[in-house]
Protein backbone atom coordinates (compact mmCIF):
# COMPACT_ATOMS: atom_id res chain seq x y z
CA UNK A 1 0.00 0.00 0.00
CA UNK A 2 1.69 3.22 -1.19
CA UNK A 3 0.90 6.63 0.26
CA UNK A 4 1.25 9.50 -2.20
CA UNK A 5 1.25 13.26 -2.00
CA UNK A 6 -1.41 15.03 -4.03
CA UNK A 7 1.16 15.54 -6.82
CA UNK A 8 1.81 11.82 -6.95
CA UNK A 9 5.18 11.66 -5.16
CA UNK A 10 5.49 8.54 -3.01
CA UNK A 11 6.05 9.61 0.58
CA UNK A 12 6.02 6.26 2.28
CA UNK A 13 5.24 2.64 1.65
CA UNK A 14 3.48 0.40 4.12
CA UNK A 15 2.99 -3.32 3.56
CA UNK A 16 -0.17 -4.65 5.16
CA UNK A 17 -1.40 -8.21 4.72
CA UNK A 18 -5.00 -8.26 3.53
CA UNK A 19 -5.96 -10.23 6.63
CA UNK A 20 -4.52 -7.68 9.07
CA UNK A 21 -6.89 -5.92 11.44
CA UNK A 22 -5.75 -2.47 10.30
CA UNK A 23 -6.27 -3.32 6.64
CA UNK A 24 -9.80 -4.63 7.35
CA UNK A 25 -10.56 -1.54 9.42
CA UNK A 26 -9.73 0.84 6.61
CA UNK A 27 -12.70 -0.10 4.43
CA UNK A 28 -13.02 2.44 1.61
CA UNK A 29 -11.10 5.15 3.43
CA UNK A 30 -7.38 5.72 2.96
CA UNK A 31 -5.07 5.88 5.96
CA UNK A 32 -1.70 7.49 6.62
CA UNK A 33 1.24 6.19 8.55
CA UNK A 34 2.01 8.25 11.63
CA UNK A 35 4.84 10.00 9.77
CA UNK A 36 2.72 11.19 6.83
CA UNK A 37 0.15 13.96 7.09
CA UNK A 38 -1.42 14.73 3.68
CA UNK A 39 -1.82 11.62 1.59
CA UNK A 40 -3.76 9.77 -1.04
CA UNK A 41 -3.77 6.01 -1.26
CA UNK A 42 -3.49 4.45 -4.71
CA UNK A 43 -4.68 1.04 -3.52
CA UNK A 44 -7.98 2.18 -1.99
CA UNK A 45 -10.92 2.66 -4.32
CA UNK A 46 -12.86 5.90 -4.34
CA UNK A 47 -16.34 5.75 -2.77
CA UNK A 48 -18.70 3.98 -5.11
CA UNK A 49 -21.60 5.56 -7.01
CA UNK A 50 -20.24 9.09 -6.65
CA UNK A 51 -18.94 11.51 -9.29
CA UNK A 52 -17.67 13.85 -6.55
CA UNK A 53 -14.16 14.10 -5.15
CA UNK A 54 -15.20 14.18 -1.49
CA UNK A 55 -14.60 11.40 0.98
CA UNK A 56 -10.82 11.41 0.58
CA UNK A 57 -8.75 11.08 3.72
CA UNK A 58 -6.62 14.12 4.56
CA UNK A 59 -5.11 12.78 7.79
CA UNK A 60 -5.98 10.75 10.84
CA UNK A 61 -4.83 9.97 14.35
CA UNK A 62 -5.33 6.84 16.40
CA UNK A 63 -7.14 6.83 19.70
CA UNK A 64 -10.68 5.48 19.97
CA UNK A 65 -13.20 8.22 20.57
CA UNK A 66 -16.85 9.09 20.75
CA UNK A 67 -19.01 12.13 20.14
CA UNK A 68 -18.78 15.13 17.88
CA UNK A 69 -15.40 16.93 18.02
CA UNK A 70 -14.77 20.68 18.22
CA UNK A 71 -12.17 22.55 16.18
CA UNK A 72 -10.46 25.87 15.67
CA UNK A 73 -7.91 27.02 13.07
CA UNK A 74 -5.06 25.05 14.64
CA UNK A 75 -6.49 22.00 16.42
CA UNK A 76 -9.29 19.47 16.66
CA UNK A 77 -10.50 18.38 20.11
CA UNK A 78 -12.28 15.13 20.84
CA UNK A 79 -13.22 12.87 23.73
CA UNK A 80 -11.39 9.56 23.75
CA UNK A 81 -12.97 6.39 25.11
CA UNK A 82 -10.29 6.39 27.80
CA UNK A 83 -12.11 9.47 29.17
CA UNK A 84 -9.41 11.86 28.06
CA UNK A 85 -9.78 14.95 25.91
CA UNK A 86 -7.20 15.07 23.11
CA UNK A 87 -6.05 18.04 21.05
CA UNK A 88 -4.85 17.08 17.57
CA UNK A 89 -2.96 19.37 15.18
CA UNK A 90 -4.73 20.28 11.95
CA UNK A 91 -2.17 22.60 10.34
CA UNK A 92 0.35 21.62 7.70
CA UNK A 93 3.34 20.18 9.51
CA UNK A 94 1.50 18.79 12.52
CA UNK A 95 -1.80 17.47 11.14
CA UNK A 96 -2.82 14.27 12.90
CA UNK A 97 -0.34 14.76 15.74
CA UNK A 98 -1.65 14.65 19.29
CA UNK A 99 -0.53 17.91 20.89
CA UNK A 100 -1.91 17.21 24.35
CA UNK A 101 -4.39 15.00 26.13
CA UNK A 102 -5.90 15.47 29.56
CA UNK A 103 -8.03 13.10 31.64
CA UNK A 104 -11.54 14.09 32.67
CA UNK A 105 -11.74 11.85 35.72
CA UNK A 106 -15.49 12.08 35.51
CA UNK A 107 -16.67 9.50 33.02
CA UNK A 108 -18.53 6.27 33.52
CA UNK A 109 -17.17 3.33 31.56
CA UNK A 110 -20.08 2.90 29.18
CA UNK A 111 -21.29 6.52 29.07
CA UNK A 112 -18.94 8.87 27.24
CA UNK A 113 -20.22 12.33 26.40
CA UNK A 114 -21.49 13.27 22.96
CA UNK A 115 -19.85 16.57 22.13
CA UNK A 116 -17.19 19.22 22.74
CA UNK A 117 -17.57 22.98 22.16
CA UNK A 118 -15.28 26.00 21.91
CA UNK A 119 -15.78 28.85 24.40
CA UNK A 120 -13.29 31.68 24.13
CA UNK A 121 -9.81 30.25 24.93
CA UNK A 122 -11.28 27.00 26.27
CA UNK A 123 -12.58 23.73 24.89
CA UNK A 124 -15.40 22.23 26.95
CA UNK A 125 -16.22 18.53 26.76
CA UNK A 126 -19.10 16.61 28.23
CA UNK A 127 -18.19 13.43 30.06
CA UNK A 128 -20.97 12.99 32.64
CA UNK A 129 -19.93 16.39 34.07
CA UNK A 130 -18.53 19.26 31.97
CA UNK A 131 -14.76 19.81 31.78
CA UNK A 132 -13.03 22.90 30.44
CA UNK A 133 -9.43 22.92 29.21
CA UNK A 134 -7.04 25.58 27.99
CA UNK A 135 -6.94 25.06 24.23
CA UNK A 136 -3.20 25.69 24.02
CA UNK A 137 -1.91 23.68 26.97
CA UNK A 138 -4.63 21.22 27.94
CA UNK A 139 -4.66 22.50 31.52
CA UNK A 140 -7.96 21.81 33.28
CA UNK A 141 -9.64 25.15 34.07
CA UNK A 142 -12.90 24.04 35.64
CA UNK A 143 -15.32 21.19 36.17
CA UNK A 144 -19.07 21.68 36.34
CA UNK A 145 -21.11 19.41 38.60
CA UNK A 146 -24.70 20.65 38.98
CA UNK A 147 -26.26 21.65 42.28
CA UNK A 148 -29.43 19.71 41.35
CA UNK A 149 -29.89 16.81 38.98
CA UNK A 150 -27.01 14.92 37.42
CA UNK A 151 -25.03 14.09 34.28
CA UNK A 152 -25.10 17.41 32.39
CA UNK A 153 -22.35 16.20 30.05
CA UNK A 154 -24.07 13.16 28.60
CA UNK A 155 -25.88 14.72 25.63
CA UNK A 156 -25.04 17.37 23.02
CA UNK A 157 -23.97 20.83 24.17
CA UNK A 158 -25.12 24.14 22.71
CA UNK A 159 -23.44 27.53 23.06
CA UNK A 160 -24.53 31.14 22.67
CA UNK A 161 -21.67 33.54 23.26
CA UNK A 162 -19.90 32.25 26.36
CA UNK A 163 -22.93 30.42 27.81
CA UNK A 164 -23.27 26.64 27.50
CA UNK A 165 -26.69 25.00 27.48
CA UNK A 166 -27.17 21.30 28.07
CA UNK A 167 -29.87 18.80 28.91
CA UNK A 168 -29.53 15.74 31.11
CA UNK A 169 -31.07 12.37 31.99
CA UNK A 170 -32.28 13.96 35.24
CA UNK A 171 -34.97 16.12 33.54
CA UNK A 172 -32.94 19.30 34.09
CA UNK A 173 -31.70 21.85 31.56
CA UNK A 174 -28.63 23.82 32.61
CA UNK A 175 -27.07 27.14 31.66
CA UNK A 176 -23.37 27.30 32.53
CA UNK A 177 -20.92 30.19 32.30
CA UNK A 178 -18.38 28.85 29.82
CA UNK A 179 -15.54 30.98 31.18
CA UNK A 180 -15.86 30.17 34.89
CA UNK A 181 -17.93 26.97 34.97
CA UNK A 182 -20.49 28.64 37.24
CA UNK A 183 -24.10 27.47 37.04
CA UNK A 184 -26.31 30.32 35.79
CA UNK A 185 -29.56 28.44 36.21
CA UNK A 186 -31.01 24.93 36.35
CA UNK A 187 -34.61 24.21 35.39
CA UNK A 188 -36.52 20.98 35.63
CA UNK A 189 -38.06 20.91 32.18
CA UNK A 190 -40.88 18.57 33.17
CA UNK A 191 -42.39 18.60 36.66
CA UNK A 192 -42.79 14.90 37.14
CA UNK A 193 -41.31 12.24 39.39
CA UNK A 194 -40.82 9.84 36.49
CA UNK A 195 -37.56 9.02 34.77
CA UNK A 196 -37.25 11.82 32.23
CA UNK A 197 -34.38 12.81 29.94
CA UNK A 198 -34.01 16.17 28.19
CA UNK A 199 -31.99 15.93 24.99
CA UNK A 200 -29.71 18.00 22.77
CA UNK A 201 -30.83 21.63 23.12
CA UNK A 202 -30.62 24.44 20.60
CA UNK A 203 -30.47 28.07 21.70
CA UNK A 204 -30.19 31.71 20.76
CA UNK A 205 -30.12 34.85 22.90
CA UNK A 206 -33.87 34.57 23.53
CA UNK A 207 -34.82 30.95 24.17
CA UNK A 208 -33.46 27.46 24.69
CA UNK A 209 -35.40 24.54 23.20
CA UNK A 210 -34.98 20.83 23.77
CA UNK A 211 -36.89 17.58 23.38
CA UNK A 212 -37.75 15.20 26.21
CA UNK A 213 -38.83 11.64 26.87
CA UNK A 214 -40.64 10.11 29.83
CA UNK A 215 -39.31 6.56 30.03
CA UNK A 216 -42.21 5.15 32.03
CA UNK A 217 -45.14 3.45 30.34
CA UNK A 218 -45.22 3.72 26.54
CA UNK A 219 -42.82 6.65 26.66
CA UNK A 220 -44.55 10.01 26.24
CA UNK A 221 -42.56 13.04 25.22
CA UNK A 222 -42.44 16.38 23.50
CA UNK A 223 -40.57 19.67 23.38
CA UNK A 224 -39.94 22.50 25.82
CA UNK A 225 -38.85 26.13 25.46
CA UNK A 226 -37.11 28.06 28.25
CA UNK A 227 -36.04 31.66 28.67
CA UNK A 228 -32.34 31.79 27.80
CA UNK A 229 -31.54 34.32 30.54
CA UNK A 230 -33.60 33.00 33.47
CA UNK A 231 -34.45 29.39 32.66
CA UNK A 232 -38.17 30.04 33.12
CA UNK A 233 -40.35 27.67 31.07
CA UNK A 234 -41.99 29.55 28.20
CA UNK A 235 -44.04 26.59 27.01
CA UNK A 236 -44.10 22.81 27.07
CA UNK A 237 -45.77 20.55 24.50
CA UNK A 238 -46.55 16.82 24.60
CA UNK A 239 -46.79 15.22 21.18
CA UNK A 240 -50.06 13.44 20.29
CA UNK A 241 -50.12 9.67 19.90
CA UNK A 242 -50.49 8.13 16.45
CA UNK A 243 -51.62 4.95 18.24
CA UNK A 244 -52.36 4.21 21.88
CA UNK A 245 -49.54 1.68 22.15
CA UNK A 246 -46.88 3.87 20.51
CA UNK A 247 -44.78 6.26 22.56
CA UNK A 248 -44.14 9.87 21.64
CA UNK A 249 -40.78 10.31 23.35
CA UNK A 250 -38.34 12.58 21.57
CA UNK A 251 -34.68 11.62 22.07
CA UNK A 252 -33.48 13.30 18.87
CA UNK A 253 -33.20 16.83 20.22
CA UNK A 254 -34.77 20.04 18.91
CA UNK A 255 -33.84 22.57 16.23
CA UNK A 256 -34.45 26.30 16.49
CA UNK A 257 -35.22 28.70 13.63
CA UNK A 258 -36.21 32.39 13.71
CA UNK A 259 -39.89 31.41 13.69
CA UNK A 260 -40.13 27.77 14.71
CA UNK A 261 -38.94 24.75 16.69
CA UNK A 262 -38.51 21.35 15.03
CA UNK A 263 -38.59 18.04 16.90
CA UNK A 264 -39.53 14.42 16.19
CA UNK A 265 -41.64 11.95 18.17
CA UNK A 266 -40.51 8.35 18.55
CA UNK A 267 -43.66 7.10 16.81
CA UNK A 268 -42.38 8.84 13.68
CA UNK A 269 -43.89 12.26 12.92
CA UNK A 270 -41.83 15.43 12.61
CA UNK A 271 -43.37 18.47 14.31
CA UNK A 272 -42.85 22.13 13.48
CA UNK A 273 -43.92 24.34 16.40
CA UNK A 274 -44.34 28.08 16.72
CA UNK A 275 -41.34 29.27 18.74
CA UNK A 276 -43.43 31.76 20.73
CA UNK A 277 -46.35 29.52 21.69
CA UNK A 278 -45.47 25.89 20.94
CA UNK A 279 -48.52 25.61 18.67
CA UNK A 280 -48.14 23.06 15.88
CA UNK A 281 -47.55 24.73 12.52
CA UNK A 282 -47.24 21.48 10.59
CA UNK A 283 -46.48 17.81 11.17
CA UNK A 284 -45.62 14.84 8.99
CA UNK A 285 -46.96 11.33 8.90
CA UNK A 286 -45.00 8.35 10.14
CA UNK A 287 -42.20 7.33 7.84
CA UNK A 288 -43.53 4.72 5.42
CA UNK A 289 -40.78 2.53 3.96
CA UNK A 290 -40.71 -1.02 2.73
CA UNK A 291 -38.52 -2.25 5.59
CA UNK A 292 -41.23 -1.30 8.07
CA UNK A 293 -41.27 1.46 10.66
CA UNK A 294 -40.11 0.58 14.18
CA UNK A 295 -42.54 1.13 17.02
CA UNK A 296 -40.04 3.47 18.63
CA UNK A 297 -38.02 5.26 16.02
CA UNK A 298 -35.10 7.49 17.02
CA UNK A 299 -34.82 10.25 14.45
CA UNK A 300 -32.11 12.92 14.58
CA UNK A 301 -32.38 16.29 12.85
CA UNK A 302 -30.31 18.92 11.07
CA UNK A 303 -31.10 22.03 9.05
CA UNK A 304 -29.78 22.69 5.55
CA UNK A 305 -31.05 26.03 4.28
CA UNK A 306 -34.84 25.55 3.94
CA UNK A 307 -34.72 21.78 4.47
CA UNK A 308 -35.07 19.68 7.59
CA UNK A 309 -32.93 16.54 7.27
CA UNK A 310 -34.14 13.68 9.48
CA UNK A 311 -32.65 10.22 10.08
CA UNK A 312 -34.40 6.99 11.06
CA UNK A 313 -33.69 3.61 12.59
CA UNK A 314 -35.01 2.18 9.30
CA UNK A 315 -31.84 3.33 7.53
CA UNK A 316 -33.76 5.89 5.46
CA UNK A 317 -33.06 9.61 5.63
CA UNK A 318 -35.71 12.13 4.61
CA UNK A 319 -35.81 15.84 3.83
CA UNK A 320 -38.81 18.05 4.54
CA UNK A 321 -39.62 21.56 3.40
CA UNK A 322 -39.15 23.85 6.39
CA UNK A 323 -42.07 26.05 5.35
CA UNK A 324 -44.78 23.37 5.05
CA UNK A 325 -43.40 19.93 5.99
CA UNK A 326 -43.67 18.50 2.48
CA UNK A 327 -41.34 15.51 1.99
CA UNK A 328 -38.74 16.38 -0.64
CA UNK A 329 -36.74 13.16 -0.84
CA UNK A 330 -36.24 9.81 0.88
CA UNK A 331 -32.87 8.05 0.62
CA UNK A 332 -31.64 4.77 2.16
CA UNK A 333 -28.05 5.12 3.39
CA UNK A 334 -27.56 1.78 5.10
CA UNK A 335 -28.96 -1.75 4.68
CA UNK A 336 -30.10 -3.80 7.66
CA UNK A 337 -28.85 -1.16 10.08
CA UNK A 338 -29.90 2.13 11.65
CA UNK A 339 -28.83 5.73 11.29
CA UNK A 340 -27.31 7.23 14.44
CA UNK A 341 -26.60 10.95 13.82
CA UNK A 342 -26.76 13.75 11.25
CA UNK A 343 -24.93 17.01 10.64
CA UNK A 344 -25.50 19.34 7.70
CA UNK A 345 -24.28 22.51 6.04
CA UNK A 346 -25.93 24.44 3.21
CA UNK A 347 -25.35 21.73 0.62
CA UNK A 348 -24.52 18.35 2.21
CA UNK A 349 -25.93 16.21 5.00
CA UNK A 350 -23.53 13.79 6.70
CA UNK A 351 -25.40 10.83 8.12
CA UNK A 352 -23.76 8.37 10.51
CA UNK A 353 -25.04 4.87 11.16
CA UNK A 354 -24.54 2.09 13.66
CA UNK A 355 -22.61 0.11 11.06
CA UNK A 356 -19.84 2.69 11.46
CA UNK A 357 -20.33 4.48 8.11
CA UNK A 358 -20.82 8.14 7.28
CA UNK A 359 -22.79 8.89 4.11
CA UNK A 360 -22.62 12.31 2.45
CA UNK A 361 -25.95 13.18 0.82
CA UNK A 362 -26.80 16.09 -1.43
CA UNK A 363 -29.19 18.05 0.79
CA UNK A 364 -31.16 19.37 -2.20
CA UNK A 365 -31.67 16.13 -4.13
CA UNK A 366 -31.01 13.28 -1.70
CA UNK A 367 -28.36 11.80 -4.02
CA UNK A 368 -25.50 10.00 -2.28
CA UNK A 369 -22.18 11.74 -2.94
CA UNK A 370 -19.82 9.42 -1.07
CA UNK A 371 -19.59 7.03 1.85
CA UNK A 372 -16.70 6.15 4.16
CA UNK A 373 -16.17 3.93 7.19
CA UNK A 374 -17.11 0.48 8.43
CA UNK A 375 -17.85 -1.29 11.71
CA UNK A 376 -14.23 -1.30 12.88
CA UNK A 377 -13.83 2.44 12.29
CA UNK A 378 -17.09 3.01 14.16
CA UNK A 379 -18.19 6.42 12.84
CA UNK A 380 -21.50 6.44 14.73
CA UNK A 381 -21.22 9.96 16.19
CA UNK A 382 -22.17 13.26 14.58
CA UNK A 383 -19.64 14.72 12.15
CA UNK A 384 -18.11 18.15 12.73
CA UNK A 385 -18.15 20.27 9.55
CA UNK A 386 -15.34 22.66 8.61
CA UNK A 387 -15.08 24.75 5.44
CA UNK A 388 -13.32 22.14 3.31
CA UNK A 389 -13.48 18.97 5.41
CA UNK A 390 -15.43 17.01 7.98
CA UNK A 391 -14.02 15.52 11.16
CA UNK A 392 -15.17 12.02 12.06
CA UNK A 393 -14.62 10.30 15.41
CA UNK A 394 -14.94 6.59 16.03
CA UNK A 395 -13.28 3.53 17.48
CA UNK A 396 -10.64 3.85 14.76
CA UNK A 397 -9.64 7.34 15.92
CA UNK A 398 -10.09 10.88 14.59
CA UNK A 399 -10.25 11.30 10.80
CA UNK A 400 -10.19 14.44 8.65
CA UNK A 401 -12.01 13.77 5.38
CA UNK A 402 -12.42 16.03 2.37
CA UNK A 403 -15.94 17.37 1.85
């Protein structure tokens, strides 16, 4: 297996038997030796069924991880499964090199956090609690443990300015000062003694929105909006049942637009709610595909211009018109497996699945542009999108891939 520079000059040669674990783990994605940063691999086929040039490996670093990474102009930061936060160089000359790694000391073996965010000179990672590190040195600056509730670092984090917003499996939503780690407010999103989780908030300077699930009974759920400054509940909506035996829990999080809130119920429908009142503006029907719709679907969401991109446990991704909920396309990205996350920019949606793949889909047409990964690489977490590349984290490590 020869690694070549973009101009074709051979930089290094690595001989891997076809039966080796590393060779099997590479799948359709090229890989660099630790001494080579920008490479192309002549022995690895381009992603199939794609006329585009995306999906090419730029660099990678080993170190099994989980969750969506954060990045700045010099580094990429991600949570490793060893419950350490690693900073990896992304500039020419040090791309793929681990610059520092610092332990969190707060994780639970099977519950790593799902995201990291940049706040001023710090990177903040969720790992049960929240941990903030100096981006240059890796020095731990603060740890946030809430005064009420627990596990604020388990789900996705959202930021507005220097404030971090996060849900939890304890029914609380938290606002945290990203500079000091001080709790600004904590609000129980649902006043109930049941086991309730609040997932993956979105926020602006006015409100914070999130979805929630009650895990008792059939699993009711909905969406909630809170005042961004005080944490006061503006409104709370429970989704209607499509059938009495189907739950309406909403583990996929909520999206926020200037006029609306988007969330999905576990029995399938997508709901668009008025951001001021929570009133339903439109909703979709359950996803109808030939592989059948699970009784409890977990559908994640992302916005791409005027389209809402939504995943499904069926392996089908769908796009809906933001204005009226009309389905625009329906594309299967994985066979006999389930989609696990989605991120999108103005033109492409990157959909992860539990088979360890990431599929790049044209957000306008639903056409598949490229696909990378496999089970050994384990790209099940949400991609982080930069201007010319996406960062993927999995059991194989951290990978920078051309858009």
